[in-house]
Amino acid sequence: MALKNILTDKDDAFLDIHDNIVWLDKAQALPTSEKDGWMHLYKVSRDGKNMQLITKGDFDVVNINCIDPAGGFVYYIASPDNFTALPLPQQARWYR
């Protein structure tokens, strides 16, 4: 079985290495990235050609609590101003 690169995340200053990619199904995943300056969730196609920002705003996604693939919701904990601030429960919806 050959490995295929799906997504490459780059930053000249700092890159937070993690392994918190969640697969929604065989065709799409929800990885996190700091490409906009905040730790956000993205929906990425398996071939890496389509990438959609799921969580928007000035906050970091701290933890994914639950994913509802049938309803298209992801429930997560977000830190409003910085990673050490009091986390707040949030939800986001993606569209198929």
N, C-alpha and C. Protein backbone atom coordinates (compact mmCIF):
# COMPACT_ATOMS: atom_id res chain seq x y z
N MET A 1 0.85 -1.18 0.00
CA MET A 1 0.00 0.00 0.00
C MET A 1 0.88 1.24 0.00
N ALA A 2 0.71 2.10 -0.97
CA ALA A 2 1.49 3.32 -1.07
C ALA A 2 0.81 4.46 -0.29
N LEU A 3 1.61 5.30 0.30
CA LEU A 3 1.09 6.48 1.00
C LEU A 3 0.99 7.63 0.02
N LYS A 4 -0.05 8.47 0.21
CA LYS A 4 -0.25 9.63 -0.65
C LYS A 4 -0.43 10.86 0.22
N ASN A 5 0.32 11.92 -0.08
CA ASN A 5 0.19 13.17 0.64
C ASN A 5 -1.13 13.83 0.25
N ILE A 6 -1.95 14.15 1.24
CA ILE A 6 -3.24 14.78 1.00
C ILE A 6 -3.16 16.28 1.24
N LEU A 7 -2.44 16.67 2.30
CA LEU A 7 -2.42 18.07 2.71
C LEU A 7 -1.05 18.40 3.29
N THR A 8 -0.50 19.52 2.88
CA THR A 8 0.75 20.02 3.45
C THR A 8 0.46 21.37 4.07
N ASP A 9 0.80 21.54 5.33
CA ASP A 9 0.58 22.79 6.06
C ASP A 9 1.93 23.42 6.33
N LYS A 10 2.14 24.66 5.90
CA LYS A 10 3.43 25.35 6.05
C LYS A 10 3.24 26.68 6.75
N ASP A 11 4.26 27.07 7.51
CA ASP A 11 4.30 28.38 8.15
C ASP A 11 5.76 28.72 8.38
N ASP A 12 6.19 29.92 7.99
CA ASP A 12 7.58 30.33 8.15
C ASP A 12 7.96 30.54 9.62
N ALA A 13 6.98 30.86 10.48
CA ALA A 13 7.28 31.17 11.87
C ALA A 13 7.16 29.95 12.78
N PHE A 14 6.04 29.23 12.71
CA PHE A 14 5.78 28.15 13.66
C PHE A 14 4.72 27.23 13.08
N LEU A 15 4.88 25.95 13.29
CA LEU A 15 3.88 24.98 12.85
C LEU A 15 3.64 24.00 14.00
N ASP A 16 2.41 23.94 14.46
CA ASP A 16 2.02 23.04 15.54
C ASP A 16 1.77 21.65 14.94
N ILE A 17 2.63 20.70 15.26
CA ILE A 17 2.51 19.35 14.73
C ILE A 17 1.48 18.59 15.57
N HIS A 18 0.53 17.95 14.91
CA HIS A 18 -0.51 17.20 15.61
C HIS A 18 -1.00 16.06 14.72
N ASP A 19 -1.78 15.20 15.31
CA ASP A 19 -2.36 14.09 14.56
C ASP A 19 -3.86 14.00 14.80
N ASN A 20 -4.51 15.15 14.86
CA ASN A 20 -5.94 15.17 15.19
C ASN A 20 -6.84 15.31 13.97
N ILE A 21 -6.52 14.58 12.92
CA ILE A 21 -7.38 14.56 11.74
C ILE A 21 -8.50 13.55 11.96
N VAL A 22 -9.73 13.98 11.77
CA VAL A 22 -10.90 13.12 11.92
C VAL A 22 -11.50 12.89 10.54
N TRP A 23 -11.68 11.64 10.16
CA TRP A 23 -12.31 11.32 8.86
C TRP A 23 -13.82 11.30 9.02
N LEU A 24 -14.52 12.05 8.15
CA LEU A 24 -15.98 12.06 8.15
C LEU A 24 -16.52 10.83 7.43
N ASP A 25 -15.88 10.49 6.35
CA ASP A 25 -16.23 9.32 5.55
C ASP A 25 -15.01 9.00 4.69
N LYS A 26 -15.16 8.17 3.69
CA LYS A 26 -14.02 7.80 2.87
C LYS A 26 -13.53 8.94 1.97
N ALA A 27 -14.33 10.00 1.83
CA ALA A 27 -13.98 11.05 0.89
C ALA A 27 -13.54 12.37 1.52
N GLN A 28 -13.79 12.59 2.81
CA GLN A 28 -13.47 13.88 3.43
C GLN A 28 -13.01 13.74 4.87
N ALA A 29 -12.18 14.70 5.27
CA ALA A 29 -11.62 14.71 6.62
C ALA A 29 -11.77 16.09 7.24
N LEU A 30 -11.64 16.16 8.56
CA LEU A 30 -11.65 17.43 9.30
C LEU A 30 -10.32 17.60 10.03
N PRO A 31 -9.31 18.13 9.37
CA PRO A 31 -8.06 18.43 10.08
C PRO A 31 -8.12 19.83 10.68
N THR A 32 -7.21 20.13 11.60
CA THR A 32 -7.06 21.49 12.10
C THR A 32 -5.83 22.11 11.45
N SER A 33 -5.85 23.43 11.37
CA SER A 33 -4.73 24.17 10.80
C SER A 33 -4.73 25.58 11.38
N GLU A 34 -3.56 26.18 11.47
CA GLU A 34 -3.42 27.57 11.91
C GLU A 34 -3.11 28.48 10.73
N LYS A 35 -3.52 28.10 9.53
CA LYS A 35 -3.16 28.86 8.33
C LYS A 35 -3.71 30.27 8.32
N ASP A 36 -4.77 30.56 9.10
CA ASP A 36 -5.29 31.92 9.17
C ASP A 36 -4.90 32.62 10.48
N GLY A 37 -3.99 32.01 11.22
CA GLY A 37 -3.52 32.61 12.48
C GLY A 37 -4.22 32.05 13.71
N TRP A 38 -5.27 31.29 13.53
CA TRP A 38 -6.01 30.66 14.62
C TRP A 38 -6.13 29.17 14.31
N MET A 39 -6.24 28.35 15.35
CA MET A 39 -6.43 26.91 15.17
C MET A 39 -7.88 26.67 14.81
N HIS A 40 -8.14 26.35 13.52
CA HIS A 40 -9.49 26.15 13.03
C HIS A 40 -9.64 24.79 12.37
N LEU A 41 -10.89 24.37 12.22
CA LEU A 41 -11.22 23.12 11.52
C LEU A 41 -11.48 23.42 10.05
N TYR A 42 -11.01 22.52 9.22
CA TYR A 42 -11.23 22.60 7.78
C TYR A 42 -11.81 21.28 7.30
N LYS A 43 -12.64 21.34 6.28
CA LYS A 43 -13.10 20.12 5.63
C LYS A 43 -12.26 19.97 4.37
N VAL A 44 -11.60 18.82 4.23
CA VAL A 44 -10.67 18.59 3.13
C VAL A 44 -11.08 17.31 2.41
N SER A 45 -11.10 17.40 1.09
CA SER A 45 -11.39 16.20 0.29
C SER A 45 -10.20 15.25 0.34
N ARG A 46 -10.46 13.98 0.12
CA ARG A 46 -9.42 12.96 0.21
C ARG A 46 -8.26 13.21 -0.77
N ASP A 47 -8.56 13.85 -1.90
CA ASP A 47 -7.49 14.14 -2.86
C ASP A 47 -6.77 15.45 -2.53
N GLY A 48 -7.25 16.19 -1.52
CA GLY A 48 -6.61 17.43 -1.08
C GLY A 48 -6.90 18.63 -1.96
N LYS A 49 -7.73 18.49 -2.97
CA LYS A 49 -7.99 19.58 -3.90
C LYS A 49 -9.01 20.59 -3.37
N ASN A 50 -9.92 20.14 -2.52
CA ASN A 50 -10.95 21.02 -1.97
C ASN A 50 -10.74 21.17 -0.47
N MET A 51 -10.62 22.43 -0.02
CA MET A 51 -10.43 22.72 1.40
C MET A 51 -11.36 23.86 1.78
N GLN A 52 -12.20 23.62 2.80
CA GLN A 52 -13.20 24.60 3.22
C GLN A 52 -13.05 24.88 4.71
N LEU A 53 -12.96 26.15 5.08
CA LEU A 53 -12.90 26.55 6.49
C LEU A 53 -14.26 26.27 7.12
N ILE A 54 -14.27 25.53 8.22
CA ILE A 54 -15.53 25.18 8.91
C ILE A 54 -15.78 26.12 10.08
N THR A 55 -14.77 26.37 10.89
CA THR A 55 -14.91 27.28 12.04
C THR A 55 -14.31 28.62 11.66
N LYS A 56 -15.04 29.70 11.89
CA LYS A 56 -14.57 31.03 11.52
C LYS A 56 -14.61 31.94 12.73
N GLY A 57 -13.61 32.77 12.89
CA GLY A 57 -13.60 33.74 13.98
C GLY A 57 -12.25 33.84 14.64
N ASP A 58 -12.15 34.77 15.58
CA ASP A 58 -10.91 35.00 16.32
C ASP A 58 -10.89 34.14 17.57
N PHE A 59 -10.66 32.85 17.39
CA PHE A 59 -10.58 31.90 18.50
C PHE A 59 -9.82 30.68 18.03
N ASP A 60 -9.33 29.91 18.97
CA ASP A 60 -8.68 28.63 18.69
C ASP A 60 -9.64 27.49 19.03
N VAL A 61 -9.74 26.51 18.15
CA VAL A 61 -10.46 25.28 18.46
C VAL A 61 -9.55 24.48 19.39
N VAL A 62 -10.03 24.22 20.60
CA VAL A 62 -9.23 23.54 21.61
C VAL A 62 -9.46 22.04 21.57
N ASN A 63 -10.72 21.63 21.36
CA ASN A 63 -11.06 20.21 21.41
C ASN A 63 -12.31 19.96 20.58
N ILE A 64 -12.33 18.83 19.86
CA ILE A 64 -13.53 18.40 19.16
C ILE A 64 -14.28 17.45 20.10
N ASN A 65 -15.51 17.81 20.44
CA ASN A 65 -16.28 16.99 21.38
C ASN A 65 -17.09 15.90 20.69
N CYS A 66 -17.72 16.25 19.57
CA CYS A 66 -18.60 15.30 18.90
C CYS A 66 -18.77 15.72 17.45
N ILE A 67 -18.86 14.73 16.57
CA ILE A 67 -19.14 14.99 15.16
C ILE A 67 -20.40 14.24 14.77
N ASP A 68 -21.33 14.95 14.15
CA ASP A 68 -22.58 14.38 13.67
C ASP A 68 -22.55 14.41 12.14
N PRO A 69 -21.98 13.38 11.50
CA PRO A 69 -21.88 13.39 10.04
C PRO A 69 -23.23 13.45 9.33
N ALA A 70 -24.25 12.79 9.88
CA ALA A 70 -25.56 12.79 9.24
C ALA A 70 -26.18 14.19 9.25
N GLY A 71 -26.04 14.90 10.35
CA GLY A 71 -26.61 16.24 10.45
C GLY A 71 -25.68 17.33 9.94
N GLY A 72 -24.41 17.01 9.78
CA GLY A 72 -23.45 17.99 9.30
C GLY A 72 -22.96 18.95 10.35
N PHE A 73 -22.96 18.52 11.63
CA PHE A 73 -22.51 19.38 12.72
C PHE A 73 -21.24 18.84 13.35
N VAL A 74 -20.41 19.76 13.83
CA VAL A 74 -19.28 19.39 14.68
C VAL A 74 -19.39 20.26 15.93
N TYR A 75 -19.27 19.63 17.09
CA TYR A 75 -19.35 20.33 18.37
C TYR A 75 -17.94 20.37 18.94
N TYR A 76 -17.52 21.54 19.38
CA TYR A 76 -16.13 21.70 19.80
C TYR A 76 -16.02 22.73 20.92
N ILE A 77 -14.88 22.74 21.57
CA ILE A 77 -14.56 23.73 22.59
C ILE A 77 -13.61 24.74 21.96
N ALA A 78 -13.90 26.04 22.16
CA ALA A 78 -13.08 27.10 21.58
C ALA A 78 -12.62 28.06 22.67
N SER A 79 -11.43 28.58 22.50
CA SER A 79 -10.88 29.58 23.39
C SER A 79 -11.04 30.94 22.70
N PRO A 80 -11.77 31.87 23.32
CA PRO A 80 -12.17 33.10 22.62
C PRO A 80 -11.03 34.07 22.26
N ASP A 81 -10.07 34.27 23.12
CA ASP A 81 -9.03 35.26 22.84
C ASP A 81 -7.64 34.66 22.69
N ASN A 82 -7.36 33.66 23.47
CA ASN A 82 -6.08 32.97 23.36
C ASN A 82 -6.25 31.56 23.92
N PHE A 83 -5.26 30.73 23.67
CA PHE A 83 -5.37 29.31 24.02
C PHE A 83 -5.52 29.06 25.51
N THR A 84 -5.08 30.01 26.35
CA THR A 84 -5.15 29.81 27.81
C THR A 84 -6.42 30.40 28.42
N ALA A 85 -7.25 31.09 27.62
CA ALA A 85 -8.48 31.68 28.14
C ALA A 85 -9.53 30.60 28.38
N LEU A 86 -10.57 30.96 29.11
CA LEU A 86 -11.66 30.03 29.42
C LEU A 86 -12.30 29.51 28.14
N PRO A 87 -12.30 28.19 27.92
CA PRO A 87 -12.91 27.63 26.70
C PRO A 87 -14.43 27.73 26.72
N LEU A 88 -15.02 27.90 25.54
CA LEU A 88 -16.47 28.00 25.40
C LEU A 88 -16.98 26.93 24.45
N PRO A 89 -18.11 26.27 24.78
CA PRO A 89 -18.68 25.30 23.85
C PRO A 89 -19.19 26.01 22.59
N GLN A 90 -18.97 25.40 21.43
CA GLN A 90 -19.38 25.97 20.15
C GLN A 90 -19.92 24.87 19.26
N GLN A 91 -20.54 25.24 18.18
CA GLN A 91 -20.92 24.28 17.15
C GLN A 91 -20.75 24.93 15.79
N ALA A 92 -20.47 24.12 14.80
CA ALA A 92 -20.35 24.61 13.43
C ALA A 92 -21.06 23.62 12.52
N ARG A 93 -21.55 24.10 11.41
CA ARG A 93 -22.21 23.23 10.44
C ARG A 93 -21.50 23.34 9.11
N TRP A 94 -21.24 22.20 8.50
CA TRP A 94 -20.69 22.20 7.15
C TRP A 94 -21.78 21.74 6.22
N TYR A 95 -21.65 22.10 4.99
CA TYR A 95 -22.66 21.75 4.00
C TYR A 95 -22.04 20.80 3.00
N ARG A 96 -22.77 19.76 2.64
CA ARG A 96 -22.26 18.75 1.72
C ARG A 96 -22.37 19.21 0.30
